Amino acid sequence: MEKYIVSLNEEERLYLHEITRKGSHKSQKVLNALILLNVDVNRPKSSKSTNESISSHLNISMKKIDRVKKRFVEEGIEVALCGRPKNREYTKKVDGDLEAKLVAISCSETPEGFARRSLRMLAEKAVELEYVDSISHETVRRTLKKTN
């Protein structure tokens, strides 16, 4: 396993101290700031902390310490504190037209032997009528859910 050495400058150290001491930050950001402060090789205190002592003191795994150190060395302080930015985009499968068709299917005559249509039956019927290529019963549920 590679050994990552965290060397903070004075500006970064002050920034991390601000995160841990004041303001409202996410708990993982504060925890990552504490990890970086404890593993810094340029610490003003003379005693050096080991990963074992940090993990027992902060009640975290040594693997988390290694991951934070690796992210700091490879990608910088912001990525080490907050993680990588999320940029995944989801396209909506159900528009107003499909929603109206789903409501029409659910209000229509039920099949023989059933009191009402299940969500899976509605999804299968929408695919059968070629309204969509594929749709899950969960998407049908979210679409038909009553909201105020």
N, C-alpha and C. Protein backbone atom coordinates (compact mmCIF):
# COMPACT_ATOMS: atom_id res chain seq x y z
N MET A 1 0.84 -1.18 0.00
CA MET A 1 0.00 0.00 0.00
C MET A 1 0.88 1.24 0.00
N GLU A 2 0.47 2.21 -0.81
CA GLU A 2 1.25 3.44 -0.90
C GLU A 2 1.11 4.26 0.38
N LYS A 3 2.15 5.00 0.69
CA LYS A 3 2.13 5.83 1.87
C LYS A 3 1.98 7.28 1.42
N TYR A 4 0.90 7.93 1.87
CA TYR A 4 0.64 9.32 1.52
C TYR A 4 1.00 10.20 2.70
N ILE A 5 1.80 11.21 2.41
CA ILE A 5 2.27 12.12 3.46
C ILE A 5 1.56 13.45 3.30
N VAL A 6 0.86 13.87 4.35
CA VAL A 6 0.10 15.11 4.34
C VAL A 6 0.97 16.21 4.93
N SER A 7 1.21 17.24 4.13
CA SER A 7 1.99 18.39 4.58
C SER A 7 1.15 19.64 4.37
N LEU A 8 0.63 20.19 5.46
CA LEU A 8 -0.22 21.37 5.38
C LEU A 8 0.60 22.63 5.56
N ASN A 9 0.26 23.68 4.81
CA ASN A 9 0.88 24.97 5.06
C ASN A 9 0.05 25.70 6.11
N GLU A 10 0.52 26.86 6.53
CA GLU A 10 -0.13 27.59 7.62
C GLU A 10 -1.56 28.01 7.26
N GLU A 11 -1.76 28.41 6.01
CA GLU A 11 -3.09 28.85 5.56
C GLU A 11 -4.09 27.69 5.61
N GLU A 12 -3.68 26.52 5.13
CA GLU A 12 -4.55 25.36 5.16
C GLU A 12 -4.85 24.92 6.59
N ARG A 13 -3.86 25.00 7.45
CA ARG A 13 -4.04 24.62 8.84
C ARG A 13 -5.05 25.54 9.53
N LEU A 14 -4.97 26.85 9.27
CA LEU A 14 -5.93 27.79 9.84
C LEU A 14 -7.33 27.52 9.32
N TYR A 15 -7.44 27.23 8.03
CA TYR A 15 -8.74 26.91 7.43
C TYR A 15 -9.37 25.69 8.08
N LEU A 16 -8.56 24.65 8.31
CA LEU A 16 -9.07 23.43 8.95
C LEU A 16 -9.45 23.68 10.40
N HIS A 17 -8.68 24.52 11.10
CA HIS A 17 -9.03 24.85 12.49
C HIS A 17 -10.36 25.60 12.55
N GLU A 18 -10.60 26.49 11.57
CA GLU A 18 -11.88 27.21 11.53
C GLU A 18 -13.05 26.24 11.33
N ILE A 19 -12.86 25.26 10.49
CA ILE A 19 -13.92 24.28 10.24
C ILE A 19 -14.23 23.50 11.50
N THR A 20 -13.21 23.11 12.24
CA THR A 20 -13.44 22.28 13.42
C THR A 20 -13.92 23.08 14.62
N ARG A 21 -13.70 24.37 14.64
CA ARG A 21 -14.01 25.14 15.84
C ARG A 21 -15.28 25.96 15.76
N LYS A 22 -15.64 26.47 14.57
CA LYS A 22 -16.82 27.33 14.52
C LYS A 22 -17.60 27.10 13.24
N GLY A 23 -18.82 27.57 13.24
CA GLY A 23 -19.68 27.42 12.08
C GLY A 23 -20.42 26.11 12.10
N SER A 24 -21.31 25.96 11.14
CA SER A 24 -22.05 24.70 11.04
C SER A 24 -21.63 24.02 9.75
N HIS A 25 -20.99 22.90 9.91
CA HIS A 25 -20.50 22.13 8.78
C HIS A 25 -21.03 20.71 8.90
N LYS A 26 -21.00 20.00 7.80
CA LYS A 26 -21.41 18.60 7.83
C LYS A 26 -20.42 17.83 8.69
N SER A 27 -20.94 16.79 9.34
CA SER A 27 -20.10 16.04 10.28
C SER A 27 -18.91 15.39 9.58
N GLN A 28 -19.10 14.89 8.37
CA GLN A 28 -18.00 14.25 7.65
C GLN A 28 -16.91 15.26 7.28
N LYS A 29 -17.32 16.49 6.99
CA LYS A 29 -16.33 17.53 6.68
C LYS A 29 -15.49 17.84 7.91
N VAL A 30 -16.13 17.95 9.06
CA VAL A 30 -15.40 18.21 10.31
C VAL A 30 -14.48 17.04 10.64
N LEU A 31 -14.98 15.82 10.47
CA LEU A 31 -14.17 14.64 10.75
C LEU A 31 -12.96 14.57 9.82
N ASN A 32 -13.16 14.86 8.55
CA ASN A 32 -12.04 14.86 7.60
C ASN A 32 -11.03 15.96 7.94
N ALA A 33 -11.53 17.11 8.41
CA ALA A 33 -10.62 18.19 8.82
C ALA A 33 -9.80 17.75 10.03
N LEU A 34 -10.42 17.08 10.98
CA LEU A 34 -9.69 16.58 12.15
C LEU A 34 -8.63 15.55 11.75
N ILE A 35 -8.98 14.70 10.79
CA ILE A 35 -8.00 13.71 10.31
C ILE A 35 -6.81 14.40 9.70
N LEU A 36 -7.06 15.38 8.82
CA LEU A 36 -5.95 16.08 8.16
C LEU A 36 -5.09 16.83 9.17
N LEU A 37 -5.71 17.43 10.17
CA LEU A 37 -4.92 18.13 11.18
C LEU A 37 -4.05 17.17 11.98
N ASN A 38 -4.56 15.99 12.25
CA ASN A 38 -3.80 15.03 13.06
C ASN A 38 -2.70 14.32 12.29
N VAL A 39 -2.85 14.17 10.97
CA VAL A 39 -1.82 13.45 10.20
C VAL A 39 -0.79 14.39 9.57
N ASP A 40 -0.94 15.68 9.80
CA ASP A 40 -0.01 16.66 9.23
C ASP A 40 1.40 16.44 9.77
N VAL A 41 2.37 16.37 8.86
CA VAL A 41 3.77 16.17 9.29
C VAL A 41 4.38 17.46 9.81
N ASN A 42 3.79 18.60 9.49
CA ASN A 42 4.31 19.90 9.93
C ASN A 42 3.56 20.42 11.15
N ARG A 43 3.01 19.51 11.96
CA ARG A 43 2.26 19.92 13.13
C ARG A 43 3.13 20.70 14.08
N PRO A 44 2.58 21.77 14.67
CA PRO A 44 3.35 22.55 15.63
C PRO A 44 3.69 21.75 16.89
N LYS A 45 2.82 20.81 17.26
CA LYS A 45 3.09 20.00 18.46
C LYS A 45 4.21 19.02 18.16
N SER A 46 4.97 18.71 19.19
CA SER A 46 6.11 17.83 18.99
C SER A 46 5.72 16.36 18.84
N SER A 47 4.59 15.97 19.44
CA SER A 47 4.21 14.55 19.38
C SER A 47 3.52 14.25 18.06
N LYS A 48 3.95 13.22 17.41
CA LYS A 48 3.37 12.80 16.14
C LYS A 48 2.34 11.72 16.41
N SER A 49 1.21 11.82 15.75
CA SER A 49 0.15 10.83 15.93
C SER A 49 0.29 9.74 14.87
N THR A 50 -0.01 8.54 15.28
CA THR A 50 -0.02 7.44 14.33
C THR A 50 -1.46 7.20 13.89
N ASN A 51 -1.61 6.47 12.79
CA ASN A 51 -2.95 6.18 12.30
C ASN A 51 -3.76 5.40 13.34
N GLU A 52 -3.10 4.52 14.08
CA GLU A 52 -3.80 3.73 15.09
C GLU A 52 -4.35 4.62 16.20
N SER A 53 -3.54 5.55 16.67
CA SER A 53 -3.99 6.42 17.75
C SER A 53 -5.09 7.38 17.28
N ILE A 54 -4.99 7.85 16.03
CA ILE A 54 -6.02 8.74 15.47
C ILE A 54 -7.33 7.97 15.31
N SER A 55 -7.25 6.74 14.81
CA SER A 55 -8.46 5.96 14.59
C SER A 55 -9.16 5.63 15.91
N SER A 56 -8.40 5.34 16.94
CA SER A 56 -9.03 5.04 18.22
C SER A 56 -9.57 6.32 18.88
N HIS A 57 -8.87 7.43 18.70
CA HIS A 57 -9.29 8.70 19.30
C HIS A 57 -10.57 9.22 18.64
N LEU A 58 -10.65 9.15 17.30
CA LEU A 58 -11.82 9.66 16.57
C LEU A 58 -12.87 8.59 16.33
N ASN A 59 -12.58 7.36 16.73
CA ASN A 59 -13.50 6.23 16.58
C ASN A 59 -13.86 6.00 15.10
N ILE A 60 -12.84 5.92 14.27
CA ILE A 60 -13.02 5.66 12.84
C ILE A 60 -12.03 4.57 12.43
N SER A 61 -12.20 4.08 11.20
CA SER A 61 -11.29 3.02 10.74
C SER A 61 -10.00 3.64 10.19
N MET A 62 -8.97 2.84 10.16
CA MET A 62 -7.70 3.30 9.60
C MET A 62 -7.82 3.45 8.09
N LYS A 63 -8.71 2.70 7.48
CA LYS A 63 -8.94 2.79 6.04
C LYS A 63 -9.46 4.18 5.67
N LYS A 64 -10.33 4.75 6.51
CA LYS A 64 -10.85 6.10 6.25
C LYS A 64 -9.73 7.12 6.30
N ILE A 65 -8.84 6.96 7.23
CA ILE A 65 -7.69 7.88 7.33
C ILE A 65 -6.85 7.79 6.06
N ASP A 66 -6.62 6.58 5.59
CA ASP A 66 -5.84 6.40 4.36
C ASP A 66 -6.55 7.02 3.15
N ARG A 67 -7.87 6.88 3.08
CA ARG A 67 -8.63 7.46 1.96
C ARG A 67 -8.57 8.98 1.97
N VAL A 68 -8.70 9.59 3.15
CA VAL A 68 -8.65 11.05 3.26
C VAL A 68 -7.26 11.55 2.89
N LYS A 69 -6.23 10.87 3.37
CA LYS A 69 -4.86 11.26 3.02
C LYS A 69 -4.61 11.16 1.52
N LYS A 70 -5.09 10.08 0.91
CA LYS A 70 -4.91 9.88 -0.52
C LYS A 70 -5.62 10.97 -1.31
N ARG A 71 -6.87 11.29 -0.93
CA ARG A 71 -7.61 12.34 -1.65
C ARG A 71 -6.93 13.70 -1.49
N PHE A 72 -6.37 13.98 -0.31
CA PHE A 72 -5.69 15.25 -0.11
C PHE A 72 -4.46 15.35 -0.99
N VAL A 73 -3.66 14.30 -1.02
CA VAL A 73 -2.41 14.32 -1.79
C VAL A 73 -2.70 14.38 -3.29
N GLU A 74 -3.67 13.61 -3.75
CA GLU A 74 -3.92 13.51 -5.19
C GLU A 74 -4.83 14.60 -5.73
N GLU A 75 -5.82 15.06 -4.94
CA GLU A 75 -6.83 15.95 -5.51
C GLU A 75 -7.01 17.27 -4.80
N GLY A 76 -6.41 17.46 -3.64
CA GLY A 76 -6.49 18.75 -2.97
C GLY A 76 -7.34 18.74 -1.72
N ILE A 77 -7.34 19.88 -1.04
CA ILE A 77 -7.97 19.97 0.27
C ILE A 77 -9.50 19.94 0.18
N GLU A 78 -10.09 20.59 -0.81
CA GLU A 78 -11.55 20.62 -0.91
C GLU A 78 -12.13 19.24 -1.20
N VAL A 79 -11.48 18.48 -2.06
CA VAL A 79 -11.96 17.13 -2.35
C VAL A 79 -11.76 16.24 -1.14
N ALA A 80 -10.68 16.45 -0.41
CA ALA A 80 -10.44 15.66 0.80
C ALA A 80 -11.50 15.93 1.86
N LEU A 81 -11.98 17.16 1.93
CA LEU A 81 -12.97 17.52 2.95
C LEU A 81 -14.39 17.13 2.54
N CYS A 82 -14.76 17.44 1.31
CA CYS A 82 -16.16 17.30 0.89
C CYS A 82 -16.42 16.15 -0.07
N GLY A 83 -15.40 15.54 -0.60
CA GLY A 83 -15.59 14.50 -1.59
C GLY A 83 -15.67 15.10 -2.99
N ARG A 84 -15.79 14.24 -3.97
CA ARG A 84 -15.86 14.71 -5.35
C ARG A 84 -17.23 15.31 -5.62
N PRO A 85 -17.30 16.34 -6.45
CA PRO A 85 -18.61 16.93 -6.77
C PRO A 85 -19.48 15.95 -7.54
N LYS A 86 -20.75 15.96 -7.22
CA LYS A 86 -21.70 15.09 -7.90
C LYS A 86 -22.23 15.80 -9.14
N ASN A 87 -22.05 15.17 -10.30
CA ASN A 87 -22.49 15.82 -11.53
C ASN A 87 -23.34 14.89 -12.39
N ARG A 88 -23.91 13.87 -11.79
CA ARG A 88 -24.72 12.95 -12.54
C ARG A 88 -26.09 13.57 -12.77
N GLU A 89 -26.58 13.47 -13.99
CA GLU A 89 -27.87 14.04 -14.33
C GLU A 89 -28.84 12.93 -14.68
N TYR A 90 -30.04 13.06 -14.20
CA TYR A 90 -31.09 12.09 -14.48
C TYR A 90 -32.13 12.74 -15.38
N THR A 91 -32.55 12.00 -16.39
CA THR A 91 -33.62 12.51 -17.24
C THR A 91 -34.93 11.90 -16.78
N LYS A 92 -35.97 12.71 -16.79
CA LYS A 92 -37.28 12.22 -16.37
C LYS A 92 -37.87 11.36 -17.46
N LYS A 93 -38.38 10.23 -17.05
CA LYS A 93 -38.99 9.31 -17.99
C LYS A 93 -40.46 9.63 -18.20
N VAL A 94 -41.08 10.20 -17.17
CA VAL A 94 -42.51 10.45 -17.21
C VAL A 94 -42.76 11.95 -17.38
N ASP A 95 -43.41 12.30 -18.48
CA ASP A 95 -43.83 13.69 -18.68
C ASP A 95 -45.33 13.77 -18.45
N GLY A 96 -45.92 14.91 -18.71
CA GLY A 96 -47.34 15.10 -18.47
C GLY A 96 -48.21 14.19 -19.32
N ASP A 97 -47.80 13.95 -20.56
CA ASP A 97 -48.56 13.09 -21.46
C ASP A 97 -48.61 11.65 -20.95
N LEU A 98 -47.46 11.12 -20.58
CA LEU A 98 -47.42 9.75 -20.06
C LEU A 98 -48.16 9.65 -18.73
N GLU A 99 -48.05 10.69 -17.91
CA GLU A 99 -48.77 10.68 -16.63
C GLU A 99 -50.28 10.59 -16.87
N ALA A 100 -50.78 11.35 -17.83
CA ALA A 100 -52.21 11.30 -18.15
C ALA A 100 -52.60 9.92 -18.66
N LYS A 101 -51.76 9.30 -19.46
CA LYS A 101 -52.05 7.96 -19.97
C LYS A 101 -52.05 6.93 -18.85
N LEU A 102 -51.11 7.06 -17.88
CA LEU A 102 -51.09 6.15 -16.73
C LEU A 102 -52.35 6.29 -15.88
N VAL A 103 -52.79 7.54 -15.69
CA VAL A 103 -54.02 7.76 -14.92
C VAL A 103 -55.21 7.15 -15.66
N ALA A 104 -55.24 7.29 -16.98
CA ALA A 104 -56.33 6.71 -17.77
C ALA A 104 -56.33 5.19 -17.66
N ILE A 105 -55.14 4.59 -17.71
CA ILE A 105 -55.05 3.12 -17.58
C ILE A 105 -55.54 2.69 -16.20
N SER A 106 -55.11 3.41 -15.16
CA SER A 106 -55.48 3.02 -13.80
C SER A 106 -56.97 3.21 -13.53
N CYS A 107 -57.62 4.15 -14.22
CA CYS A 107 -59.05 4.38 -14.03
C CYS A 107 -59.92 3.51 -14.95
N SER A 108 -59.30 2.83 -15.89
CA SER A 108 -60.06 2.02 -16.83
C SER A 108 -60.53 0.72 -16.19
N GLU A 109 -61.26 -0.05 -16.97
CA GLU A 109 -61.79 -1.34 -16.52
C GLU A 109 -60.65 -2.26 -16.08
N THR A 110 -60.84 -2.92 -14.95
CA THR A 110 -59.81 -3.84 -14.45
C THR A 110 -59.91 -5.18 -15.17
N PRO A 111 -58.82 -5.90 -15.28
CA PRO A 111 -58.87 -7.22 -15.93
C PRO A 111 -59.73 -8.21 -15.15
N GLU A 112 -60.16 -9.22 -15.84
CA GLU A 112 -60.99 -10.27 -15.25
C GLU A 112 -60.27 -10.92 -14.07
N GLY A 113 -60.95 -11.03 -12.95
CA GLY A 113 -60.39 -11.71 -11.79
C GLY A 113 -59.61 -10.81 -10.85
N PHE A 114 -59.56 -9.50 -11.12
CA PHE A 114 -58.82 -8.57 -10.27
C PHE A 114 -59.75 -7.46 -9.78
N ALA A 115 -59.60 -7.07 -8.53
CA ALA A 115 -60.40 -5.97 -7.99
C ALA A 115 -59.84 -4.63 -8.46
N ARG A 116 -58.53 -4.54 -8.58
CA ARG A 116 -57.89 -3.32 -9.08
C ARG A 116 -56.54 -3.70 -9.68
N ARG A 117 -55.96 -2.76 -10.40
CA ARG A 117 -54.67 -3.02 -11.05
C ARG A 117 -53.53 -2.78 -10.06
N SER A 118 -52.53 -3.63 -10.13
CA SER A 118 -51.33 -3.40 -9.32
C SER A 118 -50.41 -2.46 -10.09
N LEU A 119 -49.41 -1.97 -9.39
CA LEU A 119 -48.45 -1.08 -10.04
C LEU A 119 -47.69 -1.80 -11.14
N ARG A 120 -47.37 -3.05 -10.91
CA ARG A 120 -46.67 -3.84 -11.93
C ARG A 120 -47.55 -4.04 -13.16
N MET A 121 -48.84 -4.27 -12.93
CA MET A 121 -49.76 -4.42 -14.06
C MET A 121 -49.86 -3.13 -14.86
N LEU A 122 -49.90 -2.00 -14.17
CA LEU A 122 -49.94 -0.71 -14.86
C LEU A 122 -48.68 -0.49 -15.69
N ALA A 123 -47.52 -0.83 -15.11
CA ALA A 123 -46.26 -0.67 -15.84
C ALA A 123 -46.23 -1.57 -17.06
N GLU A 124 -46.67 -2.82 -16.91
CA GLU A 124 -46.69 -3.75 -18.05
C GLU A 124 -47.65 -3.28 -19.14
N LYS A 125 -48.80 -2.73 -18.74
CA LYS A 125 -49.79 -2.25 -19.70
C LYS A 125 -49.25 -1.04 -20.47
N ALA A 126 -48.52 -0.14 -19.79
CA ALA A 126 -47.94 1.02 -20.46
C ALA A 126 -46.91 0.59 -21.50
N VAL A 127 -46.14 -0.44 -21.20
CA VAL A 127 -45.16 -0.96 -22.15
C VAL A 127 -45.88 -1.68 -23.29
N GLU A 128 -46.92 -2.43 -22.93
CA GLU A 128 -47.68 -3.17 -23.94
C GLU A 128 -48.34 -2.23 -24.95
N LEU A 129 -48.87 -1.10 -24.46
CA LEU A 129 -49.50 -0.11 -25.34
C LEU A 129 -48.47 0.79 -26.02
N GLU A 130 -47.18 0.54 -25.76
CA GLU A 130 -46.05 1.25 -26.36
C GLU A 130 -46.04 2.75 -26.05
N TYR A 131 -46.43 3.07 -24.81
CA TYR A 131 -46.30 4.45 -24.35
C TYR A 131 -44.83 4.74 -24.03
N VAL A 132 -44.13 3.74 -23.51
CA VAL A 132 -42.71 3.84 -23.20
C VAL A 132 -42.05 2.51 -23.55
N ASP A 133 -40.71 2.55 -23.68
CA ASP A 133 -39.97 1.31 -23.94
C ASP A 133 -39.95 0.42 -22.71
N SER A 134 -39.66 1.02 -21.56
CA SER A 134 -39.66 0.29 -20.30
C SER A 134 -39.94 1.27 -19.18
N ILE A 135 -40.58 0.78 -18.13
CA ILE A 135 -40.87 1.61 -16.96
C ILE A 135 -41.01 0.68 -15.76
N SER A 136 -40.53 1.12 -14.62
CA SER A 136 -40.61 0.29 -13.42
C SER A 136 -41.89 0.60 -12.66
N HIS A 137 -42.28 -0.34 -11.84
CA HIS A 137 -43.48 -0.13 -11.02
C HIS A 137 -43.26 1.01 -10.03
N GLU A 138 -42.01 1.22 -9.60
CA GLU A 138 -41.71 2.31 -8.67
C GLU A 138 -41.92 3.67 -9.32
N THR A 139 -41.57 3.80 -10.59
CA THR A 139 -41.80 5.05 -11.31
C THR A 139 -43.29 5.30 -11.45
N VAL A 140 -44.04 4.25 -11.71
CA VAL A 140 -45.50 4.38 -11.78
C VAL A 140 -46.04 4.83 -10.43
N ARG A 141 -45.54 4.24 -9.35
CA ARG A 141 -46.00 4.63 -8.01
C ARG A 141 -45.75 6.10 -7.73
N ARG A 142 -44.53 6.56 -8.03
CA ARG A 142 -44.20 7.97 -7.78
C ARG A 142 -45.04 8.90 -8.63
N THR A 143 -45.37 8.46 -9.83
CA THR A 143 -46.17 9.29 -10.73
C THR A 143 -47.61 9.41 -10.23
N LEU A 144 -48.17 8.32 -9.76
CA LEU A 144 -49.56 8.30 -9.34
C LEU A 144 -49.79 8.69 -7.89
N LYS A 145 -48.71 8.89 -7.15
CA LYS A 145 -48.84 9.21 -5.72
C LYS A 145 -49.57 10.53 -5.54
N LYS A 146 -50.48 10.54 -4.61
CA LYS A 146 -51.24 11.76 -4.34
C LYS A 146 -50.34 12.75 -3.63
N THR A 147 -50.34 13.98 -4.12
CA THR A 147 -49.59 15.05 -3.46
C THR A 147 -50.51 16.26 -3.33
N ASN A 148 -50.24 17.07 -2.34
CA ASN A 148 -51.08 18.25 -2.13
C ASN A 148 -50.51 19.41 -2.90
